Amino acid sequence: MNFSNACLGKLVCGACERELPDDSYSGEQRGLRESSRRCEECVASENQLVLMKKGRTRSEDDDCPICQLPLPLDSRQSSFQLCCMTMLCDGCVLASQRRGMDDCPFCRTPKPDADADGAEALAMVQNRVDAGDPLAMFFLGVQCESGGLDLEKKDVARAVDLFERASELGEKRADYNLACLYSQGTGVDRDAARAIRHYEAAAMRGHVFARFNLGLLEQQAENYDVALQHWMIAASLGHQGALDEIKDMFEYDLATKAEYAEALRGYHGAVKEMRSPDRDEASAA
């Protein structure tokens, strides 16, 4: 007869990822989520949670494919190219326009006719979805959620399906959007546990805003040490809000001066990596 881990009194350690009996954990640890729980051996050894080991850097798919710099965290400073399913920074788009190029700066595909409706763009994206492109699935899911392109109305159920398919293929932005939908109960039943799982999946793939939100959730649960760890990572990836939260924690003696200084250095380093003369010019335009 098969029994679940719960029936056997086993829990999974979020650090060593072993299934261990209930008595391997303190009462405080048993009350935490699996991803935040550590067995007594890992606590004694100060073993770090897997959730904190992964996603400490942004992945290559967060780089602009032209200048190879990390894309700005502000999505308004980048643009999505339907022709090649790539995200380009505004700096590279501006540089291309200065050279008199009106087509896609990356793949050189001519821009669609200005008089064409969204049906052409929708068909283009759907073709990429049919080919199994996770970024296209994510983008189409966003359009279904908002009712954009040539869609007649919002279709959150279809958006969730597309996001889940993209998530299975490793698209962290899909996990983040799913987390937001389940957290807010927008078009789906509110499910805090499912939201957290998707936030965690996105954060471990390097999604900065998912990491920041996990810090907020831990702060609300008064798990300040865990919240600080999330925000230290988010700040080192360039998230201003995370740096502000660490500053507040420092002022309330929940973070040390050294931790705030480390967060400040990491933040400024990440911001510097995301800047370029072309991007600065585009932002000022």
C-alpha atoms as a PDB file:
ATOM      1  CA  MET A   1       0.000   0.000   0.000  1.00  0.00           C
ATOM      2  CA  ASN A   2       1.319   3.454  -0.932  1.00  0.00           C
ATOM      3  CA  PHE A   3       1.133   6.278   1.540  1.00  0.00           C
ATOM      4  CA  SER A   4       1.750   9.964   0.916  1.00  0.00           C
ATOM      5  CA  ASN A   5       4.653  11.714   2.570  1.00  0.00           C
ATOM      6  CA  ALA A   6       2.178  13.430   4.868  1.00  0.00           C
ATOM      7  CA  CYS A   7       0.804  10.083   6.048  1.00  0.00           C
ATOM      8  CA  LEU A   8       4.323   8.868   6.713  1.00  0.00           C
ATOM      9  CA  GLY A   9       5.104  12.042   8.630  1.00  0.00           C
ATOM     10  CA  LYS A  10       7.828  12.999   6.156  1.00  0.00           C
ATOM     11  CA  LEU A  11       8.657  16.527   5.053  1.00  0.00           C
ATOM     12  CA  VAL A  12      11.019  17.831   2.391  1.00  0.00           C
ATOM     13  CA  CYS A  13      13.885  20.075   3.451  1.00  0.00           C
ATOM     14  CA  GLY A  14      14.144  23.228   1.348  1.00  0.00           C
ATOM     15  CA  ALA A  15      17.957  23.176   1.648  1.00  0.00           C
ATOM     16  CA  CYS A  16      19.101  19.579   1.162  1.00  0.00           C
ATOM     17  CA  GLU A  17      15.826  18.572  -0.559  1.00  0.00           C
ATOM     18  CA  ARG A  18      15.677  15.265   1.301  1.00  0.00           C
ATOM     19  CA  GLU A  19      12.445  13.688   2.487  1.00  0.00           C
ATOM     20  CA  LEU A  20      12.872  13.353   6.233  1.00  0.00           C
ATOM     21  CA  PRO A  21      10.651  12.347   9.158  1.00  0.00           C
ATOM     22  CA  ASP A  22       8.707  15.035  10.947  1.00  0.00           C
ATOM     23  CA  ASP A  23      11.004  14.855  13.982  1.00  0.00           C
ATOM     24  CA  SER A  24      13.908  16.085  11.820  1.00  0.00           C
ATOM     25  CA  TYR A  25      12.474  19.597  12.053  1.00  0.00           C
ATOM     26  CA  SER A  26      11.883  22.026  14.885  1.00  0.00           C
ATOM     27  CA  GLY A  27       8.335  23.167  15.562  1.00  0.00           C
ATOM     28  CA  GLU A  28       9.111  26.504  13.962  1.00  0.00           C
ATOM     29  CA  GLN A  29      10.465  24.865  10.799  1.00  0.00           C
ATOM     30  CA  ARG A  30       7.478  22.521  10.479  1.00  0.00           C
ATOM     31  CA  GLY A  31       5.228  25.574  10.283  1.00  0.00           C
ATOM     32  CA  LEU A  32       7.030  26.953   7.240  1.00  0.00           C
ATOM     33  CA  ARG A  33       6.383  26.231   3.577  1.00  0.00           C
ATOM     34  CA  GLU A  34       8.396  23.389   2.063  1.00  0.00           C
ATOM     35  CA  SER A  35      10.609  25.790   0.104  1.00  0.00           C
ATOM     36  CA  SER A  36      11.473  27.735   3.283  1.00  0.00           C
ATOM     37  CA  ARG A  37      11.810  24.771   5.660  1.00  0.00           C
ATOM     38  CA  ARG A  38      15.194  23.441   6.809  1.00  0.00           C
ATOM     39  CA  CYS A  39      15.902  20.270   8.774  1.00  0.00           C
ATOM     40  CA  GLU A  40      17.826  20.555  12.044  1.00  0.00           C
ATOM     41  CA  GLU A  41      21.011  19.353  10.335  1.00  0.00           C
ATOM     42  CA  CYS A  42      20.803  22.092   7.695  1.00  0.00           C
ATOM     43  CA  VAL A  43      19.967  24.714  10.324  1.00  0.00           C
ATOM     44  CA  ALA A  44      23.027  23.679  12.343  1.00  0.00           C
ATOM     45  CA  SER A  45      25.208  23.715   9.227  1.00  0.00           C
ATOM     46  CA  GLU A  46      23.678  27.012   8.052  1.00  0.00           C
ATOM     47  CA  ASN A  47      22.869  25.394   4.719  1.00  0.00           C
ATOM     48  CA  GLN A  48      21.187  27.867   2.377  1.00  0.00           C
ATOM     49  CA  LEU A  49      17.740  27.257   0.926  1.00  0.00           C
ATOM     50  CA  VAL A  50      17.633  26.099  -2.697  1.00  0.00           C
ATOM     51  CA  LEU A  51      15.258  29.008  -3.280  1.00  0.00           C
ATOM     52  CA  MET A  52      18.104  31.370  -2.359  1.00  0.00           C
ATOM     53  CA  LYS A  53      20.789  29.518  -4.317  1.00  0.00           C
ATOM     54  CA  LYS A  54      19.022  29.778  -7.673  1.00  0.00           C
ATOM     55  CA  GLY A  55      18.064  32.901  -9.603  1.00  0.00           C
ATOM     56  CA  ARG A  56      20.795  35.093  -8.144  1.00  0.00           C
ATOM     57  CA  THR A  57      21.705  36.346 -11.615  1.00  0.00           C
ATOM     58  CA  ARG A  58      19.628  37.236 -14.626  1.00  0.00           C
ATOM     59  CA  SER A  59      19.681  34.713 -17.437  1.00  0.00           C
ATOM     60  CA  GLU A  60      20.891  35.310 -20.994  1.00  0.00           C
ATOM     61  CA  ASP A  61      17.322  35.640 -22.263  1.00  0.00           C
ATOM     62  CA  ASP A  62      17.136  38.862 -20.227  1.00  0.00           C
ATOM     63  CA  ASP A  63      19.824  40.429 -22.442  1.00  0.00           C
ATOM     64  CA  CYS A  64      19.081  42.611 -25.441  1.00  0.00           C
ATOM     65  CA  PRO A  65      20.194  40.403 -28.365  1.00  0.00           C
ATOM     66  CA  ILE A  66      21.876  43.368 -30.096  1.00  0.00           C
ATOM     67  CA  CYS A  67      23.909  45.163 -27.418  1.00  0.00           C
ATOM     68  CA  GLN A  68      24.071  42.101 -25.125  1.00  0.00           C
ATOM     69  CA  LEU A  69      23.339  44.228 -22.044  1.00  0.00           C
ATOM     70  CA  PRO A  70      20.698  43.194 -19.497  1.00  0.00           C
ATOM     71  CA  LEU A  71      17.327  44.650 -20.479  1.00  0.00           C
ATOM     72  CA  PRO A  72      16.029  47.452 -18.229  1.00  0.00           C
ATOM     73  CA  LEU A  73      13.656  46.268 -15.505  1.00  0.00           C
ATOM     74  CA  ASP A  74      11.210  48.969 -16.600  1.00  0.00           C
ATOM     75  CA  SER A  75       9.338  47.266 -19.447  1.00  0.00           C
ATOM     76  CA  ARG A  76       8.562  50.682 -20.941  1.00  0.00           C
ATOM     77  CA  GLN A  77      12.219  50.948 -21.943  1.00  0.00           C
ATOM     78  CA  SER A  78      12.081  47.884 -24.215  1.00  0.00           C
ATOM     79  CA  SER A  79       9.906  46.782 -27.107  1.00  0.00           C
ATOM     80  CA  PHE A  80       8.732  43.369 -28.275  1.00  0.00           C
ATOM     81  CA  GLN A  81       9.328  42.517 -31.928  1.00  0.00           C
ATOM     82  CA  LEU A  82       6.538  40.321 -33.284  1.00  0.00           C
ATOM     83  CA  CYS A  83       8.502  39.347 -36.388  1.00  0.00           C
ATOM     84  CA  CYS A  84      11.261  37.509 -34.507  1.00  0.00           C
ATOM     85  CA  MET A  85       9.748  37.194 -30.999  1.00  0.00           C
ATOM     86  CA  THR A  86      12.585  39.142 -29.395  1.00  0.00           C
ATOM     87  CA  MET A  87      12.728  41.925 -26.823  1.00  0.00           C
ATOM     88  CA  LEU A  88      14.972  44.848 -27.771  1.00  0.00           C
ATOM     89  CA  CYS A  89      16.066  47.746 -25.602  1.00  0.00           C
ATOM     90  CA  ASP A  90      14.996  51.233 -26.693  1.00  0.00           C
ATOM     91  CA  GLY A  91      18.647  52.208 -27.015  1.00  0.00           C
ATOM     92  CA  CYS A  92      19.218  49.726 -29.838  1.00  0.00           C
ATOM     93  CA  VAL A  93      15.939  50.693 -31.507  1.00  0.00           C
ATOM     94  CA  LEU A  94      16.992  54.358 -31.391  1.00  0.00           C
ATOM     95  CA  ALA A  95      20.452  53.557 -32.752  1.00  0.00           C
ATOM     96  CA  SER A  96      18.850  51.677 -35.630  1.00  0.00           C
ATOM     97  CA  GLN A  97      16.541  54.576 -36.433  1.00  0.00           C
ATOM     98  CA  ARG A  98      19.484  57.001 -36.437  1.00  0.00           C
ATOM     99  CA  ARG A  99      21.042  54.890 -39.193  1.00  0.00           C
ATOM    100  CA  GLY A 100      17.869  55.288 -41.268  1.00  0.00           C
ATOM    101  CA  MET A 101      16.693  51.710 -40.739  1.00  0.00           C
ATOM    102  CA  ASP A 102      12.914  51.388 -40.552  1.00  0.00           C
ATOM    103  CA  ASP A 103      12.730  47.599 -40.403  1.00  0.00           C
ATOM    104  CA  CYS A 104      13.253  45.356 -37.354  1.00  0.00           C
ATOM    105  CA  PRO A 105      16.664  46.207 -35.850  1.00  0.00           C
ATOM    106  CA  PHE A 106      17.315  42.525 -35.126  1.00  0.00           C
ATOM    107  CA  CYS A 107      15.973  40.409 -38.000  1.00  0.00           C
ATOM    108  CA  ARG A 108      15.529  43.186 -40.604  1.00  0.00           C
ATOM    109  CA  THR A 109      11.919  42.211 -41.304  1.00  0.00           C
ATOM    110  CA  PRO A 110       9.973  45.175 -42.757  1.00  0.00           C
ATOM    111  CA  LYS A 111       7.401  46.679 -40.423  1.00  0.00           C
ATOM    112  CA  PRO A 112       3.745  45.739 -41.095  1.00  0.00           C
ATOM    113  CA  ASP A 113       1.591  48.172 -43.037  1.00  0.00           C
ATOM    114  CA  ALA A 114       0.401  50.904 -40.681  1.00  0.00           C
ATOM    115  CA  ASP A 115      -3.148  50.447 -41.999  1.00  0.00           C
ATOM    116  CA  ALA A 116      -3.200  46.718 -41.270  1.00  0.00           C
ATOM    117  CA  ASP A 117      -5.298  45.586 -38.312  1.00  0.00           C
ATOM    118  CA  GLY A 118      -4.221  43.243 -35.532  1.00  0.00           C
ATOM    119  CA  ALA A 119      -5.260  40.130 -37.451  1.00  0.00           C
ATOM    120  CA  GLU A 120      -1.911  39.953 -39.245  1.00  0.00           C
ATOM    121  CA  ALA A 121       0.034  40.291 -36.004  1.00  0.00           C
ATOM    122  CA  LEU A 122      -2.220  37.764 -34.276  1.00  0.00           C
ATOM    123  CA  ALA A 123      -1.662  35.231 -37.052  1.00  0.00           C
ATOM    124  CA  MET A 124       2.086  35.791 -36.822  1.00  0.00           C
ATOM    125  CA  VAL A 125       2.100  35.128 -33.088  1.00  0.00           C
ATOM    126  CA  GLN A 126      -0.211  32.109 -33.394  1.00  0.00           C
ATOM    127  CA  ASN A 127       2.156  30.540 -35.923  1.00  0.00           C
ATOM    128  CA  ARG A 128       4.986  30.815 -33.421  1.00  0.00           C
ATOM    129  CA  VAL A 129       2.759  29.382 -30.672  1.00  0.00           C
ATOM    130  CA  ASP A 130       1.920  26.411 -32.924  1.00  0.00           C
ATOM    131  CA  ALA A 131       5.667  25.919 -33.442  1.00  0.00           C
ATOM    132  CA  GLY A 132       6.157  25.614 -29.675  1.00  0.00           C
ATOM    133  CA  ASP A 133       7.771  28.998 -28.946  1.00  0.00           C
ATOM    134  CA  PRO A 134       7.330  29.689 -25.186  1.00  0.00           C
ATOM    135  CA  LEU A 135       7.859  33.435 -25.579  1.00  0.00           C
ATOM    136  CA  ALA A 136       5.112  33.562 -28.201  1.00  0.00           C
ATOM    137  CA  MET A 137       2.842  31.618 -25.833  1.00  0.00           C
ATOM    138  CA  PHE A 138       3.565  34.135 -23.105  1.00  0.00           C
ATOM    139  CA  PHE A 139       2.952  37.104 -25.395  1.00  0.00           C
ATOM    140  CA  LEU A 140      -0.309  35.685 -26.721  1.00  0.00           C
ATOM    141  CA  GLY A 141      -1.361  34.938 -23.148  1.00  0.00           C
ATOM    142  CA  VAL A 142      -0.818  38.591 -22.259  1.00  0.00           C
ATOM    143  CA  GLN A 143      -2.990  39.618 -25.211  1.00  0.00           C
ATOM    144  CA  CYS A 144      -5.727  37.186 -24.150  1.00  0.00           C
ATOM    145  CA  GLU A 145      -5.571  38.562 -20.618  1.00  0.00           C
ATOM    146  CA  SER A 146      -5.858  42.170 -21.806  1.00  0.00           C
ATOM    147  CA  GLY A 147      -7.954  41.722 -24.948  1.00  0.00           C
ATOM    148  CA  GLY A 148      -5.194  43.140 -27.176  1.00  0.00           C
ATOM    149  CA  LEU A 149      -4.255  42.612 -30.834  1.00  0.00           C
ATOM    150  CA  ASP A 150      -7.294  41.490 -32.850  1.00  0.00           C
ATOM    151  CA  LEU A 151      -8.977  39.647 -29.983  1.00  0.00           C
ATOM    152  CA  GLU A 152     -12.584  40.714 -29.484  1.00  0.00           C
ATOM    153  CA  LYS A 153     -12.589  40.296 -25.706  1.00  0.00           C
ATOM    154  CA  LYS A 154     -10.509  39.182 -22.778  1.00  0.00           C
ATOM    155  CA  ASP A 155     -10.109  35.427 -22.298  1.00  0.00           C
ATOM    156  CA  VAL A 156      -8.357  34.785 -18.983  1.00  0.00           C
ATOM    157  CA  ALA A 157      -8.956  31.023 -19.171  1.00  0.00           C
ATOM    158  CA  ARG A 158      -7.053  30.860 -22.450  1.00  0.00           C
ATOM    159  CA  ALA A 159      -4.363  33.142 -21.019  1.00  0.00           C
ATOM    160  CA  VAL A 160      -3.865  30.778 -18.079  1.00  0.00           C
ATOM    161  CA  ASP A 161      -3.585  27.815 -20.441  1.00  0.00           C
ATOM    162  CA  LEU A 162      -0.971  29.612 -22.549  1.00  0.00           C
ATOM    163  CA  PHE A 163       0.966  30.736 -19.476  1.00  0.00           C
ATOM    164  CA  GLU A 164       0.987  27.195 -18.088  1.00  0.00           C
ATOM    165  CA  ARG A 165       2.273  25.794 -21.378  1.00  0.00           C
ATOM    166  CA  ALA A 166       4.984  28.463 -21.509  1.00  0.00           C
ATOM    167  CA  SER A 167       5.873  27.790 -17.864  1.00  0.00           C
ATOM    168  CA  GLU A 168       6.427  24.109 -18.606  1.00  0.00           C
ATOM    169  CA  LEU A 169       8.910  25.198 -21.295  1.00  0.00           C
ATOM    170  CA  GLY A 170      10.818  27.390 -18.837  1.00  0.00           C
ATOM    171  CA  GLU A 171       9.368  30.849 -19.531  1.00  0.00           C
ATOM    172  CA  LYS A 172       9.703  32.626 -16.171  1.00  0.00           C
ATOM    173  CA  ARG A 173       7.520  35.564 -17.201  1.00  0.00           C
ATOM    174  CA  ALA A 174       4.643  33.132 -17.630  1.00  0.00           C
ATOM    175  CA  ASP A 175       5.169  31.878 -14.067  1.00  0.00           C
ATOM    176  CA  TYR A 176       5.157  35.449 -12.808  1.00  0.00           C
ATOM    177  CA  ASN A 177       1.891  36.277 -14.589  1.00  0.00           C
ATOM    178  CA  LEU A 178       0.285  33.102 -13.272  1.00  0.00           C
ATOM    179  CA  ALA A 179       1.387  34.044  -9.761  1.00  0.00           C
ATOM    180  CA  CYS A 180      -0.192  37.481 -10.122  1.00  0.00           C
ATOM    181  CA  LEU A 181      -3.458  36.038 -11.438  1.00  0.00           C
ATOM    182  CA  TYR A 182      -3.768  33.484  -8.627  1.00  0.00           C
ATOM    183  CA  SER A 183      -2.683  35.999  -5.998  1.00  0.00           C
ATOM    184  CA  GLN A 184      -5.300  38.544  -7.025  1.00  0.00           C
ATOM    185  CA  GLY A 185      -7.997  36.097  -8.105  1.00  0.00           C
ATOM    186  CA  THR A 186      -8.245  37.814 -11.492  1.00  0.00           C
ATOM    187  CA  GLY A 187     -10.403  35.627 -13.708  1.00  0.00           C
ATOM    188  CA  VAL A 188      -9.447  32.548 -11.662  1.00  0.00           C
ATOM    189  CA  ASP A 189     -10.128  31.294  -8.159  1.00  0.00           C
ATOM    190  CA  ARG A 190      -7.792  32.957  -5.718  1.00  0.00           C
ATOM    191  CA  ASP A 191      -5.125  30.448  -4.676  1.00  0.00           C
ATOM    192  CA  ALA A 192      -2.327  31.813  -2.480  1.00  0.00           C
ATOM    193  CA  ALA A 193      -0.403  28.521  -2.383  1.00  0.00           C
ATOM    194  CA  ARG A 194      -0.386  28.199  -6.164  1.00  0.00           C
ATOM    195  CA  ALA A 195       0.608  31.859  -6.511  1.00  0.00           C
ATOM    196  CA  ILE A 196       3.597  31.319  -4.228  1.00  0.00           C
ATOM    197  CA  ARG A 197       4.696  28.231  -6.167  1.00  0.00           C
ATOM    198  CA  HIS A 198       4.722  30.220  -9.400  1.00  0.00           C
ATOM    199  CA  TYR A 199       6.498  33.173  -7.765  1.00  0.00           C
ATOM    200  CA  GLU A 200       9.147  30.749  -6.533  1.00  0.00           C
ATOM    201  CA  ALA A 201       9.533  29.098  -9.937  1.00  0.00           C
ATOM    202  CA  ALA A 202       9.946  32.501 -11.588  1.00  0.00           C
ATOM    203  CA  ALA A 203      12.369  33.750  -8.928  1.00  0.00           C
ATOM    204  CA  MET A 204      14.597  30.684  -9.242  1.00  0.00           C
ATOM    205  CA  ARG A 205      14.810  31.405 -12.968  1.00  0.00           C
ATOM    206  CA  GLY A 206      15.961  34.955 -12.261  1.00  0.00           C
ATOM    207  CA  HIS A 207      12.700  36.947 -12.395  1.00  0.00           C
ATOM    208  CA  VAL A 208      13.433  40.061 -10.334  1.00  0.00           C
ATOM    209  CA  PHE A 209       9.862  41.138  -9.570  1.00  0.00           C
ATOM    210  CA  ALA A 210       8.883  37.634  -8.490  1.00  0.00           C
ATOM    211  CA  ARG A 211      11.815  37.667  -6.076  1.00  0.00           C
ATOM    212  CA  PHE A 212      10.730  41.040  -4.695  1.00  0.00           C
ATOM    213  CA  ASN A 213       7.140  39.850  -4.202  1.00  0.00           C
ATOM    214  CA  LEU A 214       8.341  36.781  -2.311  1.00  0.00           C
ATOM    215  CA  GLY A 215      10.087  39.169   0.043  1.00  0.00           C
ATOM    216  CA  LEU A 216       6.831  41.042   0.584  1.00  0.00           C
ATOM    217  CA  LEU A 217       4.996  37.805   1.358  1.00  0.00           C
ATOM    218  CA  GLU A 218       7.640  36.752   3.871  1.00  0.00           C
ATOM    219  CA  GLN A 219       7.544  40.205   5.461  1.00  0.00           C
ATOM    220  CA  GLN A 220       3.761  39.918   5.871  1.00  0.00           C
ATOM    221  CA  ALA A 221       4.289  36.541   7.548  1.00  0.00           C
ATOM    222  CA  GLU A 222       6.898  38.193   9.825  1.00  0.00           C
ATOM    223  CA  ASN A 223       9.647  35.960   8.437  1.00  0.00           C
ATOM    224  CA  TYR A 224      12.006  38.921   8.292  1.00  0.00           C
ATOM    225  CA  ASP A 225      15.223  36.946   7.812  1.00  0.00           C
ATOM    226  CA  VAL A 226      13.819  35.198   4.733  1.00  0.00           C
ATOM    227  CA  ALA A 227      12.351  38.456   3.417  1.00  0.00           C
ATOM    228  CA  LEU A 228      15.765  40.084   3.748  1.00  0.00           C
ATOM    229  CA  GLN A 229      17.423  37.289   1.768  1.00  0.00           C
ATOM    230  CA  HIS A 230      14.925  37.718  -1.075  1.00  0.00           C
ATOM    231  CA  TRP A 231      15.400  41.473  -1.131  1.00  0.00           C
ATOM    232  CA  MET A 232      19.186  41.220  -1.028  1.00  0.00           C
ATOM    233  CA  ILE A 233      19.007  39.166  -4.227  1.00  0.00           C
ATOM    234  CA  ALA A 234      16.451  41.492  -5.857  1.00  0.00           C
ATOM    235  CA  ALA A 235      18.504  44.579  -4.974  1.00  0.00           C
ATOM    236  CA  SER A 236      21.641  42.994  -6.446  1.00  0.00           C
ATOM    237  CA  LEU A 237      19.643  42.580  -9.682  1.00  0.00           C
ATOM    238  CA  GLY A 238      18.704  46.264  -9.772  1.00  0.00           C
ATOM    239  CA  HIS A 239      15.322  46.439  -8.023  1.00  0.00           C
ATOM    240  CA  GLN A 240      14.925  49.865  -6.387  1.00  0.00           C
ATOM    241  CA  GLY A 241      11.977  48.762  -4.231  1.00  0.00           C
ATOM    242  CA  ALA A 242      14.014  45.938  -2.707  1.00  0.00           C
ATOM    243  CA  LEU A 243      16.794  48.364  -1.808  1.00  0.00           C
ATOM    244  CA  ASP A 244      14.234  50.672  -0.166  1.00  0.00           C
ATOM    245  CA  GLU A 245      12.836  47.784   1.881  1.00  0.00           C
ATOM    246  CA  ILE A 246      16.326  46.819   3.071  1.00  0.00           C
ATOM    247  CA  LYS A 247      16.951  50.418   4.069  1.00  0.00           C
ATOM    248  CA  ASP A 248      13.741  50.346   6.144  1.00  0.00           C
ATOM    249  CA  MET A 249      14.811  47.058   7.739  1.00  0.00           C
ATOM    250  CA  PHE A 250      18.177  48.597   8.617  1.00  0.00           C
ATOM    251  CA  GLU A 251      16.428  51.553  10.267  1.00  0.00           C
ATOM    252  CA  TYR A 252      14.333  49.125  12.348  1.00  0.00           C
ATOM    253  CA  ASP A 253      17.370  46.986  13.278  1.00  0.00           C
ATOM    254  CA  LEU A 254      16.158  44.078  11.140  1.00  0.00           C
ATOM    255  CA  ALA A 255      19.180  44.324   8.844  1.00  0.00           C
ATOM    256  CA  THR A 256      22.777  45.211   9.596  1.00  0.00           C
ATOM    257  CA  LYS A 257      24.722  48.157   8.251  1.00  0.00           C
ATOM    258  CA  ALA A 258      26.932  45.704   6.351  1.00  0.00           C
ATOM    259  CA  GLU A 259      23.893  44.076   4.709  1.00  0.00           C
ATOM    260  CA  TYR A 260      22.506  47.442   3.622  1.00  0.00           C
ATOM    261  CA  ALA A 261      25.922  48.472   2.267  1.00  0.00           C
ATOM    262  CA  GLU A 262      26.168  45.189   0.334  1.00  0.00           C
ATOM    263  CA  ALA A 263      22.677  45.703  -1.089  1.00  0.00           C
ATOM    264  CA  LEU A 264      23.556  49.264  -2.092  1.00  0.00           C
ATOM    265  CA  ARG A 265      26.711  48.140  -3.918  1.00  0.00           C
ATOM    266  CA  GLY A 266      24.868  45.345  -5.670  1.00  0.00           C
ATOM    267  CA  TYR A 267      22.048  47.634  -6.738  1.00  0.00           C
ATOM    268  CA  HIS A 268      24.318  50.298  -8.199  1.00  0.00           C
ATOM    269  CA  GLY A 269      26.363  47.640  -9.979  1.00  0.00           C
ATOM    270  CA  ALA A 270      23.255  46.162 -11.597  1.00  0.00           C
ATOM    271  CA  VAL A 271      21.924  49.576 -12.627  1.00  0.00           C
ATOM    272  CA  LYS A 272      25.282  50.407 -14.202  1.00  0.00           C
ATOM    273  CA  GLU A 273      25.191  47.171 -16.220  1.00  0.00           C
ATOM    274  CA  MET A 274      21.774  48.106 -17.631  1.00  0.00           C
ATOM    275  CA  ARG A 275      22.850  51.570 -18.809  1.00  0.00           C
ATOM    276  CA  SER A 276      24.408  52.689 -22.084  1.00  0.00           C
ATOM    277  CA  PRO A 277      24.687  56.044 -23.892  1.00  0.00           C
ATOM    278  CA  ASP A 278      22.020  54.948 -26.406  1.00  0.00           C
ATOM    279  CA  ARG A 279      19.662  53.881 -23.615  1.00  0.00           C
ATOM    280  CA  ASP A 280      20.201  57.135 -21.748  1.00  0.00           C
ATOM    281  CA  GLU A 281      19.415  59.081 -24.902  1.00  0.00           C
ATOM    282  CA  ALA A 282      16.292  57.012 -25.560  1.00  0.00           C
ATOM    283  CA  SER A 283      15.066  57.557 -21.992  1.00  0.00           C
ATOM    284  CA  ALA A 284      15.575  61.303 -22.281  1.00  0.00           C
ATOM    285  CA  ALA A 285      13.721  61.536 -25.598  1.00  0.00           C
END
